[in-house]
Amino acid sequence: MAPTAPSPASVRAAASPRCCSRSRPWSSAGRVAALPADGRGDGASTAASYKELGLYSLKKRIEDAVVRVETTASSALEMEEARRIRQEEVLRGRNLWDNPAKSHETLSALADAIRVVDHLKDLRYKAEEAKLISQLSEMDVINVELFKQAYKTSVDATEFLDRYQMYKLLKGPYDKEGACIIVTAGSDGAASEAS
């Protein structure tokens, strides 16, 4: 006697939320098992499955961005604060009226250092906020809109880190000329061009 495949109704009943643990509401295993092998199901359960998988994907991206911010921002913040302190010490030892052009450069460098330190502190705050929202989403305490806001915050944090790393790579004469790096993909893979 050949084994028969379980009916979609019995699979859905076995994977219903009543029998699954509530510790991981974003777990997609129960919802994926609810779909038949061909991927089709009734409209409501399929839409709910895709919604949960989408939220899980957003949560994973938020967690990745938070980890990146935590690993990069703390060391960058220490380095930029040291740079700011050095700029302040240079200003203390200099008479600003002796050489106005050099004083302007020094003040501009100090303003840049202060701006970067403020942005990095704000970045750490945003990462903590996104992490908290992500943790609250596991307990079903927040709504989807707040979760999407955390995702947008994590995207903004990632973009800032990208710009900061580009700033570190392209400083000096390249930064003053407005250089940028453009990455294009061709038929033979990813090719990098500097323009």
N, C-alpha and C. Protein backbone atom coordinates (compact mmCIF):
# COMPACT_ATOMS: atom_id res chain seq x y z
N MET A 1 0.85 -1.17 0.00
CA MET A 1 0.00 0.00 0.00
C MET A 1 0.89 1.24 0.00
N ALA A 2 0.69 2.14 -0.96
CA ALA A 2 1.53 3.33 -1.10
C ALA A 2 1.09 4.39 -0.10
N PRO A 3 2.06 5.11 0.48
CA PRO A 3 1.69 6.17 1.43
C PRO A 3 1.00 7.30 0.69
N THR A 4 -0.01 7.85 1.32
CA THR A 4 -0.75 8.94 0.70
C THR A 4 -0.31 10.26 1.33
N ALA A 5 -0.36 11.28 0.53
CA ALA A 5 0.01 12.62 1.02
C ALA A 5 -1.12 13.14 1.89
N PRO A 6 -0.80 13.84 2.95
CA PRO A 6 -1.86 14.40 3.80
C PRO A 6 -2.62 15.48 3.04
N SER A 7 -3.87 15.62 3.38
CA SER A 7 -4.68 16.64 2.72
C SER A 7 -4.26 18.02 3.22
N PRO A 8 -4.47 19.06 2.39
CA PRO A 8 -4.11 20.41 2.82
C PRO A 8 -4.81 20.83 4.10
N ALA A 9 -6.04 20.36 4.31
CA ALA A 9 -6.77 20.72 5.52
C ALA A 9 -6.10 20.13 6.76
N SER A 10 -5.60 18.89 6.66
CA SER A 10 -4.95 18.30 7.83
C SER A 10 -3.61 18.96 8.10
N VAL A 11 -2.91 19.38 7.04
CA VAL A 11 -1.63 20.09 7.24
C VAL A 11 -1.89 21.43 7.90
N ARG A 12 -2.94 22.15 7.45
CA ARG A 12 -3.28 23.44 8.06
C ARG A 12 -3.67 23.27 9.51
N ALA A 13 -4.40 22.22 9.83
CA ALA A 13 -4.82 21.98 11.21
C ALA A 13 -3.61 21.67 12.08
N ALA A 14 -2.66 20.91 11.55
CA ALA A 14 -1.47 20.57 12.33
C ALA A 14 -0.59 21.79 12.55
N ALA A 15 -0.64 22.75 11.64
CA ALA A 15 0.22 23.93 11.75
C ALA A 15 -0.54 25.14 12.26
N SER A 16 -1.71 24.92 12.83
CA SER A 16 -2.49 26.06 13.31
C SER A 16 -1.79 26.72 14.49
N PRO A 17 -2.04 28.01 14.73
CA PRO A 17 -1.38 28.72 15.82
C PRO A 17 -1.68 28.13 17.19
N ARG A 18 -2.80 27.39 17.32
CA ARG A 18 -3.11 26.82 18.62
C ARG A 18 -2.12 25.76 19.04
N CYS A 19 -1.55 25.04 18.09
CA CYS A 19 -0.63 23.97 18.47
C CYS A 19 0.82 24.41 18.40
N CYS A 20 1.10 25.55 17.80
CA CYS A 20 2.48 26.04 17.72
C CYS A 20 2.78 26.86 18.96
N SER A 21 4.06 26.93 19.31
CA SER A 21 4.43 27.73 20.48
C SER A 21 4.30 29.20 20.14
N ARG A 22 4.00 30.02 21.12
CA ARG A 22 3.82 31.45 20.92
C ARG A 22 5.13 32.21 21.12
N SER A 23 6.23 31.50 21.36
CA SER A 23 7.48 32.19 21.65
C SER A 23 8.06 32.86 20.41
N ARG A 24 7.76 32.39 19.23
CA ARG A 24 8.31 32.99 18.00
C ARG A 24 7.16 33.26 17.03
N PRO A 25 6.40 34.34 17.24
CA PRO A 25 5.28 34.59 16.34
C PRO A 25 5.72 34.91 14.93
N TRP A 26 6.97 35.30 14.71
CA TRP A 26 7.44 35.61 13.36
C TRP A 26 7.97 34.38 12.66
N SER A 27 7.94 33.24 13.35
CA SER A 27 8.44 32.02 12.73
C SER A 27 7.57 31.68 11.54
N SER A 28 8.21 31.44 10.42
CA SER A 28 7.45 31.19 9.20
C SER A 28 7.24 29.70 8.96
N ALA A 29 7.77 28.84 9.82
CA ALA A 29 7.69 27.40 9.58
C ALA A 29 6.24 26.92 9.59
N GLY A 30 5.44 27.41 10.52
CA GLY A 30 4.05 26.99 10.59
C GLY A 30 3.25 27.42 9.38
N ARG A 31 3.51 28.60 8.89
CA ARG A 31 2.77 29.11 7.74
C ARG A 31 3.21 28.45 6.45
N VAL A 32 4.48 28.19 6.29
CA VAL A 32 4.94 27.54 5.07
C VAL A 32 4.40 26.13 5.00
N ALA A 33 4.35 25.44 6.13
CA ALA A 33 3.82 24.08 6.15
C ALA A 33 2.34 24.06 5.83
N ALA A 34 1.65 25.20 6.02
CA ALA A 34 0.22 25.24 5.78
C ALA A 34 -0.10 25.24 4.29
N LEU A 35 0.88 25.55 3.45
CA LEU A 35 0.62 25.58 2.01
C LEU A 35 0.83 24.20 1.41
N PRO A 36 0.03 23.82 0.45
CA PRO A 36 0.25 22.56 -0.24
C PRO A 36 1.56 22.62 -1.02
N ALA A 37 1.98 21.49 -1.55
CA ALA A 37 3.26 21.39 -2.24
C ALA A 37 3.33 22.28 -3.47
N ASP A 38 2.19 22.54 -4.11
CA ASP A 38 2.23 23.39 -5.30
C ASP A 38 2.24 24.87 -4.96
N GLY A 39 2.17 25.23 -3.67
CA GLY A 39 2.27 26.63 -3.25
C GLY A 39 0.94 27.36 -3.27
N ARG A 40 -0.12 26.69 -3.67
CA ARG A 40 -1.42 27.34 -3.71
C ARG A 40 -2.21 26.99 -2.46
N GLY A 41 -2.97 27.89 -2.00
CA GLY A 41 -3.83 27.66 -0.86
C GLY A 41 -5.02 28.59 -0.97
N ASP A 42 -5.86 28.60 0.05
CA ASP A 42 -6.96 29.54 0.00
C ASP A 42 -6.41 30.95 0.16
N GLY A 43 -7.10 31.93 -0.33
CA GLY A 43 -6.61 33.31 -0.41
C GLY A 43 -6.21 33.91 0.92
N ALA A 44 -7.00 33.68 1.97
CA ALA A 44 -6.72 34.30 3.26
C ALA A 44 -5.44 33.76 3.89
N SER A 45 -5.28 32.44 3.87
CA SER A 45 -4.08 31.87 4.50
C SER A 45 -2.83 32.19 3.69
N THR A 46 -2.95 32.23 2.37
CA THR A 46 -1.80 32.57 1.54
C THR A 46 -1.37 34.01 1.78
N ALA A 47 -2.32 34.92 1.85
CA ALA A 47 -2.00 36.33 2.10
C ALA A 47 -1.36 36.49 3.47
N ALA A 48 -1.90 35.79 4.47
CA ALA A 48 -1.32 35.88 5.81
C ALA A 48 0.09 35.30 5.84
N SER A 49 0.30 34.21 5.09
CA SER A 49 1.64 33.61 5.04
C SER A 49 2.64 34.57 4.42
N TYR A 50 2.25 35.18 3.31
CA TYR A 50 3.15 36.13 2.65
C TYR A 50 3.39 37.35 3.53
N LYS A 51 2.39 37.78 4.27
CA LYS A 51 2.55 38.93 5.16
C LYS A 51 3.55 38.59 6.26
N GLU A 52 3.42 37.41 6.87
CA GLU A 52 4.36 37.01 7.92
C GLU A 52 5.77 36.85 7.37
N LEU A 53 5.90 36.26 6.18
CA LEU A 53 7.23 36.12 5.58
C LEU A 53 7.83 37.48 5.27
N GLY A 54 6.99 38.42 4.82
CA GLY A 54 7.47 39.77 4.55
C GLY A 54 7.93 40.47 5.81
N LEU A 55 7.17 40.33 6.89
CA LEU A 55 7.58 40.93 8.16
C LEU A 55 8.83 40.27 8.71
N TYR A 56 8.96 38.97 8.49
CA TYR A 56 10.18 38.28 8.93
C TYR A 56 11.38 38.81 8.16
N SER A 57 11.19 39.04 6.86
CA SER A 57 12.27 39.58 6.03
C SER A 57 12.66 40.98 6.50
N LEU A 58 11.65 41.82 6.79
CA LEU A 58 11.95 43.15 7.32
C LEU A 58 12.69 43.07 8.64
N LYS A 59 12.25 42.16 9.50
CA LYS A 59 12.89 42.00 10.81
C LYS A 59 14.35 41.59 10.64
N LYS A 60 14.61 40.69 9.72
CA LYS A 60 15.98 40.23 9.48
C LYS A 60 16.85 41.38 8.98
N ARG A 61 16.31 42.20 8.09
CA ARG A 61 17.07 43.35 7.58
C ARG A 61 17.34 44.36 8.70
N ILE A 62 16.36 44.56 9.57
CA ILE A 62 16.56 45.46 10.71
C ILE A 62 17.67 44.94 11.60
N GLU A 63 17.63 43.64 11.91
CA GLU A 63 18.66 43.05 12.77
C GLU A 63 20.04 43.17 12.13
N ASP A 64 20.14 42.95 10.83
CA ASP A 64 21.43 43.09 10.14
C ASP A 64 21.95 44.51 10.22
N ALA A 65 21.06 45.49 10.02
CA ALA A 65 21.48 46.89 10.10
C ALA A 65 21.91 47.26 11.51
N VAL A 66 21.19 46.76 12.51
CA VAL A 66 21.55 47.06 13.91
C VAL A 66 22.91 46.48 14.24
N VAL A 67 23.17 45.26 13.81
CA VAL A 67 24.48 44.64 14.07
C VAL A 67 25.58 45.44 13.38
N ARG A 68 25.32 45.86 12.16
CA ARG A 68 26.33 46.66 11.44
C ARG A 68 26.60 47.98 12.14
N VAL A 69 25.54 48.64 12.61
CA VAL A 69 25.72 49.91 13.32
C VAL A 69 26.48 49.69 14.62
N GLU A 70 26.10 48.64 15.36
CA GLU A 70 26.77 48.39 16.64
C GLU A 70 28.25 48.10 16.46
N THR A 71 28.62 47.39 15.41
CA THR A 71 30.03 47.05 15.21
C THR A 71 30.83 48.21 14.63
N THR A 72 30.21 49.00 13.77
CA THR A 72 30.94 50.07 13.09
C THR A 72 30.89 51.39 13.84
N ALA A 73 29.73 51.76 14.33
CA ALA A 73 29.54 53.10 14.88
C ALA A 73 30.35 53.34 16.16
N SER A 74 30.49 52.35 17.01
CA SER A 74 31.20 52.59 18.27
C SER A 74 32.67 52.92 18.03
N SER A 75 33.33 52.16 17.16
CA SER A 75 34.74 52.45 16.88
C SER A 75 34.88 53.76 16.10
N ALA A 76 33.95 54.01 15.18
CA ALA A 76 34.00 55.26 14.42
C ALA A 76 33.75 56.46 15.33
N LEU A 77 32.86 56.30 16.30
CA LEU A 77 32.57 57.39 17.23
C LEU A 77 33.79 57.71 18.08
N GLU A 78 34.47 56.69 18.57
CA GLU A 78 35.69 56.93 19.35
C GLU A 78 36.74 57.66 18.50
N MET A 79 36.91 57.23 17.27
CA MET A 79 37.90 57.85 16.39
C MET A 79 37.53 59.30 16.07
N GLU A 80 36.26 59.56 15.80
CA GLU A 80 35.83 60.92 15.46
C GLU A 80 35.86 61.84 16.67
N GLU A 81 35.57 61.32 17.86
CA GLU A 81 35.69 62.15 19.06
C GLU A 81 37.14 62.51 19.33
N ALA A 82 38.05 61.58 19.09
CA ALA A 82 39.48 61.89 19.24
C ALA A 82 39.90 62.95 18.22
N ARG A 83 39.37 62.86 17.01
CA ARG A 83 39.66 63.87 15.99
C ARG A 83 39.13 65.24 16.40
N ARG A 84 37.94 65.26 16.97
CA ARG A 84 37.35 66.53 17.43
C ARG A 84 38.18 67.14 18.55
N ILE A 85 38.64 66.31 19.48
CA ILE A 85 39.46 66.80 20.59
C ILE A 85 40.77 67.37 20.06
N ARG A 86 41.38 66.70 19.09
CA ARG A 86 42.62 67.21 18.49
C ARG A 86 42.39 68.56 17.82
N GLN A 87 41.27 68.70 17.11
CA GLN A 87 40.96 69.97 16.45
C GLN A 87 40.76 71.09 17.47
N GLU A 88 40.10 70.78 18.59
CA GLU A 88 39.91 71.78 19.64
C GLU A 88 41.25 72.20 20.25
N GLU A 89 42.16 71.24 20.45
CA GLU A 89 43.47 71.56 21.00
C GLU A 89 44.26 72.44 20.04
N VAL A 90 44.15 72.18 18.75
CA VAL A 90 44.84 73.02 17.76
C VAL A 90 44.30 74.45 17.82
N LEU A 91 42.99 74.59 17.97
CA LEU A 91 42.40 75.92 18.04
C LEU A 91 42.82 76.66 19.30
N ARG A 92 42.95 75.96 20.42
CA ARG A 92 43.37 76.60 21.67
C ARG A 92 44.78 77.16 21.57
N GLY A 93 45.64 76.49 20.84
CA GLY A 93 47.03 76.91 20.74
C GLY A 93 47.29 77.90 19.62
N ARG A 94 46.29 78.35 18.92
CA ARG A 94 46.49 79.21 17.76
C ARG A 94 45.74 80.53 17.94
N ASN A 95 46.38 81.59 17.50
CA ASN A 95 45.71 82.88 17.46
C ASN A 95 44.95 82.94 16.13
N LEU A 96 43.64 83.02 16.19
CA LEU A 96 42.82 82.95 14.98
C LEU A 96 43.01 84.13 14.04
N TRP A 97 43.50 85.26 14.56
CA TRP A 97 43.64 86.45 13.72
C TRP A 97 44.98 86.51 13.00
N ASP A 98 45.94 85.65 13.36
CA ASP A 98 47.24 85.69 12.69
C ASP A 98 47.14 85.25 11.23
N ASN A 99 46.44 84.18 10.99
CA ASN A 99 46.29 83.66 9.63
C ASN A 99 44.82 83.26 9.43
N PRO A 100 44.01 84.19 8.91
CA PRO A 100 42.57 83.91 8.78
C PRO A 100 42.25 82.71 7.88
N ALA A 101 43.03 82.48 6.83
CA ALA A 101 42.76 81.36 5.93
C ALA A 101 42.98 80.03 6.65
N LYS A 102 44.09 79.93 7.38
CA LYS A 102 44.38 78.70 8.13
C LYS A 102 43.36 78.51 9.26
N SER A 103 42.95 79.61 9.89
CA SER A 103 41.94 79.54 10.95
C SER A 103 40.62 79.04 10.39
N HIS A 104 40.28 79.50 9.19
CA HIS A 104 39.03 79.05 8.56
C HIS A 104 39.07 77.55 8.29
N GLU A 105 40.19 77.04 7.79
CA GLU A 105 40.34 75.61 7.55
C GLU A 105 40.20 74.81 8.84
N THR A 106 40.84 75.31 9.90
CA THR A 106 40.79 74.62 11.19
C THR A 106 39.38 74.63 11.76
N LEU A 107 38.71 75.77 11.66
CA LEU A 107 37.32 75.85 12.15
C LEU A 107 36.39 74.97 11.32
N SER A 108 36.62 74.89 10.02
CA SER A 108 35.81 74.02 9.17
C SER A 108 36.02 72.55 9.53
N ALA A 109 37.28 72.19 9.79
CA ALA A 109 37.58 70.80 10.18
C ALA A 109 36.93 70.47 11.52
N LEU A 110 36.95 71.43 12.45
CA LEU A 110 36.31 71.22 13.75
C LEU A 110 34.79 71.07 13.58
N ALA A 111 34.19 71.92 12.75
CA ALA A 111 32.75 71.82 12.51
C ALA A 111 32.39 70.48 11.88
N ASP A 112 33.21 70.01 10.94
CA ASP A 112 32.97 68.70 10.33
C ASP A 112 33.07 67.58 11.36
N ALA A 113 34.09 67.66 12.23
CA ALA A 113 34.26 66.63 13.25
C ALA A 113 33.08 66.62 14.22
N ILE A 114 32.62 67.79 14.61
CA ILE A 114 31.47 67.87 15.52
C ILE A 114 30.22 67.32 14.84
N ARG A 115 30.03 67.64 13.58
CA ARG A 115 28.86 67.16 12.83
C ARG A 115 28.88 65.63 12.72
N VAL A 116 30.04 65.06 12.42
CA VAL A 116 30.15 63.61 12.29
C VAL A 116 29.89 62.93 13.63
N VAL A 117 30.43 63.49 14.72
CA VAL A 117 30.20 62.91 16.05
C VAL A 117 28.71 62.94 16.37
N ASP A 118 28.04 64.06 16.09
CA ASP A 118 26.60 64.15 16.35
C ASP A 118 25.82 63.14 15.52
N HIS A 119 26.18 62.98 14.26
CA HIS A 119 25.49 62.02 13.40
C HIS A 119 25.71 60.58 13.89
N LEU A 120 26.93 60.27 14.33
CA LEU A 120 27.20 58.92 14.82
C LEU A 120 26.44 58.63 16.11
N LYS A 121 26.33 59.63 16.99
CA LYS A 121 25.53 59.44 18.21
C LYS A 121 24.07 59.23 17.86
N ASP A 122 23.56 60.01 16.91
CA ASP A 122 22.19 59.86 16.46
C ASP A 122 21.97 58.49 15.83
N LEU A 123 22.97 58.04 15.10
CA LEU A 123 22.91 56.72 14.47
C LEU A 123 22.79 55.61 15.51
N ARG A 124 23.59 55.71 16.57
CA ARG A 124 23.50 54.69 17.63
C ARG A 124 22.12 54.72 18.29
N TYR A 125 21.57 55.92 18.50
CA TYR A 125 20.24 56.04 19.09
C TYR A 125 19.19 55.39 18.18
N LYS A 126 19.28 55.67 16.87
CA LYS A 126 18.32 55.09 15.94
C LYS A 126 18.43 53.57 15.89
N ALA A 127 19.65 53.05 15.97
CA ALA A 127 19.83 51.60 15.96
C ALA A 127 19.22 50.97 17.21
N GLU A 128 19.40 51.62 18.36
CA GLU A 128 18.79 51.11 19.59
C GLU A 128 17.27 51.13 19.49
N GLU A 129 16.73 52.20 18.89
CA GLU A 129 15.29 52.30 18.72
C GLU A 129 14.77 51.19 17.81
N ALA A 130 15.45 50.96 16.70
CA ALA A 130 15.03 49.91 15.77
C ALA A 130 15.13 48.54 16.43
N LYS A 131 16.17 48.33 17.24
CA LYS A 131 16.33 47.06 17.94
C LYS A 131 15.19 46.85 18.94
N LEU A 132 14.82 47.91 19.66
CA LEU A 132 13.72 47.82 20.62
C LEU A 132 12.40 47.51 19.92
N ILE A 133 12.13 48.18 18.81
CA ILE A 133 10.90 47.91 18.07
C ILE A 133 10.89 46.48 17.56
N SER A 134 12.03 46.00 17.10
CA SER A 134 12.13 44.62 16.62
C SER A 134 11.85 43.63 17.75
N GLN A 135 12.38 43.92 18.94
CA GLN A 135 12.13 43.04 20.08
C GLN A 135 10.67 43.09 20.51
N LEU A 136 10.06 44.28 20.46
CA LEU A 136 8.65 44.39 20.82
C LEU A 136 7.76 43.68 19.81
N SER A 137 8.20 43.62 18.56
CA SER A 137 7.40 42.94 17.54
C SER A 137 7.32 41.45 17.81
N GLU A 138 8.33 40.89 18.46
CA GLU A 138 8.28 39.47 18.81
C GLU A 138 7.20 39.17 19.83
N MET A 139 6.83 40.18 20.62
CA MET A 139 5.80 40.00 21.64
C MET A 139 4.43 40.46 21.16
N ASP A 140 4.31 40.81 19.88
CA ASP A 140 3.06 41.31 19.30
C ASP A 140 2.54 42.54 20.03
N VAL A 141 3.43 43.42 20.46
CA VAL A 141 3.05 44.62 21.19
C VAL A 141 2.85 45.80 20.25
N ILE A 142 3.47 45.76 19.08
CA ILE A 142 3.42 46.90 18.17
C ILE A 142 2.64 46.56 16.91
N ASN A 143 2.29 47.61 16.18
CA ASN A 143 1.58 47.39 14.92
C ASN A 143 2.57 47.40 13.76
N VAL A 144 2.08 47.11 12.59
CA VAL A 144 2.92 46.97 11.40
C VAL A 144 3.53 48.32 11.01
N GLU A 145 2.80 49.41 11.18
CA GLU A 145 3.32 50.73 10.78
C GLU A 145 4.56 51.10 11.59
N LEU A 146 4.55 50.83 12.88
CA LEU A 146 5.72 51.12 13.71
C LEU A 146 6.89 50.24 13.29
N PHE A 147 6.58 49.01 12.92
CA PHE A 147 7.62 48.10 12.46
C PHE A 147 8.22 48.60 11.15
N LYS A 148 7.39 49.11 10.26
CA LYS A 148 7.90 49.67 9.00
C LYS A 148 8.74 50.92 9.27
N GLN A 149 8.38 51.70 10.29
CA GLN A 149 9.18 52.86 10.66
C GLN A 149 10.56 52.41 11.13
N ALA A 150 10.62 51.33 11.89
CA ALA A 150 11.91 50.79 12.33
C ALA A 150 12.73 50.33 11.13
N TYR A 151 12.07 49.75 10.15
CA TYR A 151 12.78 49.33 8.93
C TYR A 151 13.34 50.54 8.20
N LYS A 152 12.53 51.60 8.08
CA LYS A 152 13.00 52.82 7.41
C LYS A 152 14.18 53.42 8.17
N THR A 153 14.12 53.41 9.48
CA THR A 153 15.23 53.91 10.29
C THR A 153 16.48 53.09 10.05
N SER A 154 16.33 51.77 9.96
CA SER A 154 17.50 50.92 9.73
C SER A 154 18.08 51.15 8.34
N VAL A 155 17.22 51.42 7.35
CA VAL A 155 17.71 51.74 6.01
C VAL A 155 18.47 53.06 6.02
N ASP A 156 17.93 54.06 6.74
CA ASP A 156 18.63 55.34 6.86
C ASP A 156 19.98 55.17 7.54
N ALA A 157 20.02 54.34 8.58
CA ALA A 157 21.28 54.10 9.28
C ALA A 157 22.30 53.43 8.37
N THR A 158 21.84 52.48 7.58
CA THR A 158 22.74 51.80 6.64
C THR A 158 23.27 52.78 5.59
N GLU A 159 22.38 53.64 5.09
CA GLU A 159 22.82 54.64 4.10
C GLU A 159 23.84 55.59 4.71
N PHE A 160 23.62 56.02 5.96
CA PHE A 160 24.59 56.91 6.60
C PHE A 160 25.94 56.21 6.77
N LEU A 161 25.92 54.95 7.19
CA LEU A 161 27.18 54.23 7.34
C LEU A 161 27.89 54.09 6.00
N ASP A 162 27.14 53.85 4.93
CA ASP A 162 27.74 53.78 3.60
C ASP A 162 28.40 55.11 3.22
N ARG A 163 27.67 56.22 3.46
CA ARG A 163 28.24 57.54 3.16
C ARG A 163 29.46 57.82 4.02
N TYR A 164 29.42 57.44 5.29
CA TYR A 164 30.56 57.67 6.18
C TYR A 164 31.78 56.88 5.71
N GLN A 165 31.57 55.63 5.31
CA GLN A 165 32.69 54.83 4.83
C GLN A 165 33.23 55.39 3.52
N MET A 166 32.37 55.89 2.65
CA MET A 166 32.84 56.52 1.42
C MET A 166 33.61 57.79 1.74
N TYR A 167 33.16 58.55 2.73
CA TYR A 167 33.86 59.76 3.16
C TYR A 167 35.26 59.41 3.64
N LYS A 168 35.38 58.32 4.36
CA LYS A 168 36.69 57.91 4.85
C LYS A 168 37.58 57.43 3.71
N LEU A 169 37.00 56.80 2.71
CA LEU A 169 37.78 56.33 1.57
C LEU A 169 38.20 57.46 0.63
N LEU A 170 37.32 58.44 0.47
CA LEU A 170 37.55 59.48 -0.53
C LEU A 170 37.88 60.82 0.10
N LYS A 171 38.74 60.84 1.10
CA LYS A 171 39.08 62.15 1.64
C LYS A 171 40.37 62.64 1.00
N GLY A 172 40.61 63.90 1.16
CA GLY A 172 41.76 64.49 0.51
C GLY A 172 41.35 65.16 -0.78
N PRO A 173 42.21 65.12 -1.81
CA PRO A 173 41.89 65.82 -3.06
C PRO A 173 40.67 65.23 -3.77
N TYR A 174 40.40 63.92 -3.58
CA TYR A 174 39.25 63.30 -4.25
C TYR A 174 37.94 63.84 -3.67
N ASP A 175 37.91 64.03 -2.35
CA ASP A 175 36.71 64.53 -1.71
C ASP A 175 36.43 65.97 -2.14
N LYS A 176 37.47 66.76 -2.27
CA LYS A 176 37.29 68.16 -2.65
C LYS A 176 36.82 68.30 -4.10
N GLU A 177 37.13 67.34 -4.94
CA GLU A 177 36.72 67.39 -6.34
C GLU A 177 35.35 66.76 -6.57
N GLY A 178 34.76 66.14 -5.56
CA GLY A 178 33.43 65.55 -5.70
C GLY A 178 33.45 64.19 -6.35
N ALA A 179 34.49 63.41 -6.12
CA ALA A 179 34.59 62.07 -6.71
C ALA A 179 33.56 61.15 -6.10
N CYS A 180 33.13 60.17 -6.86
CA CYS A 180 32.23 59.15 -6.35
C CYS A 180 32.56 57.83 -7.03
N ILE A 181 32.11 56.76 -6.43
CA ILE A 181 32.33 55.43 -6.99
C ILE A 181 31.00 54.93 -7.52
N ILE A 182 31.02 54.44 -8.75
CA ILE A 182 29.82 53.89 -9.38
C ILE A 182 30.08 52.41 -9.63
N VAL A 183 29.18 51.57 -9.16
CA VAL A 183 29.29 50.14 -9.37
C VAL A 183 28.20 49.74 -10.35
N THR A 184 28.61 49.15 -11.47
CA THR A 184 27.64 48.70 -12.47
C THR A 184 27.83 47.21 -12.68
N ALA A 185 26.76 46.55 -13.04
CA ALA A 185 26.82 45.11 -13.31
C ALA A 185 26.69 44.89 -14.80
N GLY A 186 27.62 44.15 -15.33
CA GLY A 186 27.59 43.81 -16.75
C GLY A 186 27.23 42.35 -16.93
N SER A 187 27.35 41.88 -18.15
CA SER A 187 27.00 40.49 -18.42
C SER A 187 28.01 39.53 -17.79
N ASP A 188 29.22 40.02 -17.52
CA ASP A 188 30.24 39.15 -16.94
C ASP A 188 30.36 39.30 -15.43
N GLY A 189 29.40 39.96 -14.78
CA GLY A 189 29.42 40.10 -13.33
C GLY A 189 29.49 41.56 -12.93
N ALA A 190 29.86 41.79 -11.70
CA ALA A 190 29.92 43.15 -11.18
C ALA A 190 31.26 43.77 -11.56
N ALA A 191 31.20 44.93 -12.17
CA ALA A 191 32.41 45.66 -12.55
C ALA A 191 32.39 47.01 -11.86
N SER A 192 33.50 47.43 -11.32
CA SER A 192 33.58 48.68 -10.59
C SER A 192 34.28 49.73 -11.45
N GLU A 193 33.70 50.90 -11.50
CA GLU A 193 34.29 52.01 -12.24
C GLU A 193 34.37 53.20 -11.31
N ALA A 194 35.48 53.89 -11.31
CA ALA A 194 35.61 55.13 -10.54
C ALA A 194 35.49 56.29 -11.50
N SER A 195 34.63 57.22 -11.16
CA SER A 195 34.49 58.39 -12.03
C SER A 195 34.61 59.65 -11.22
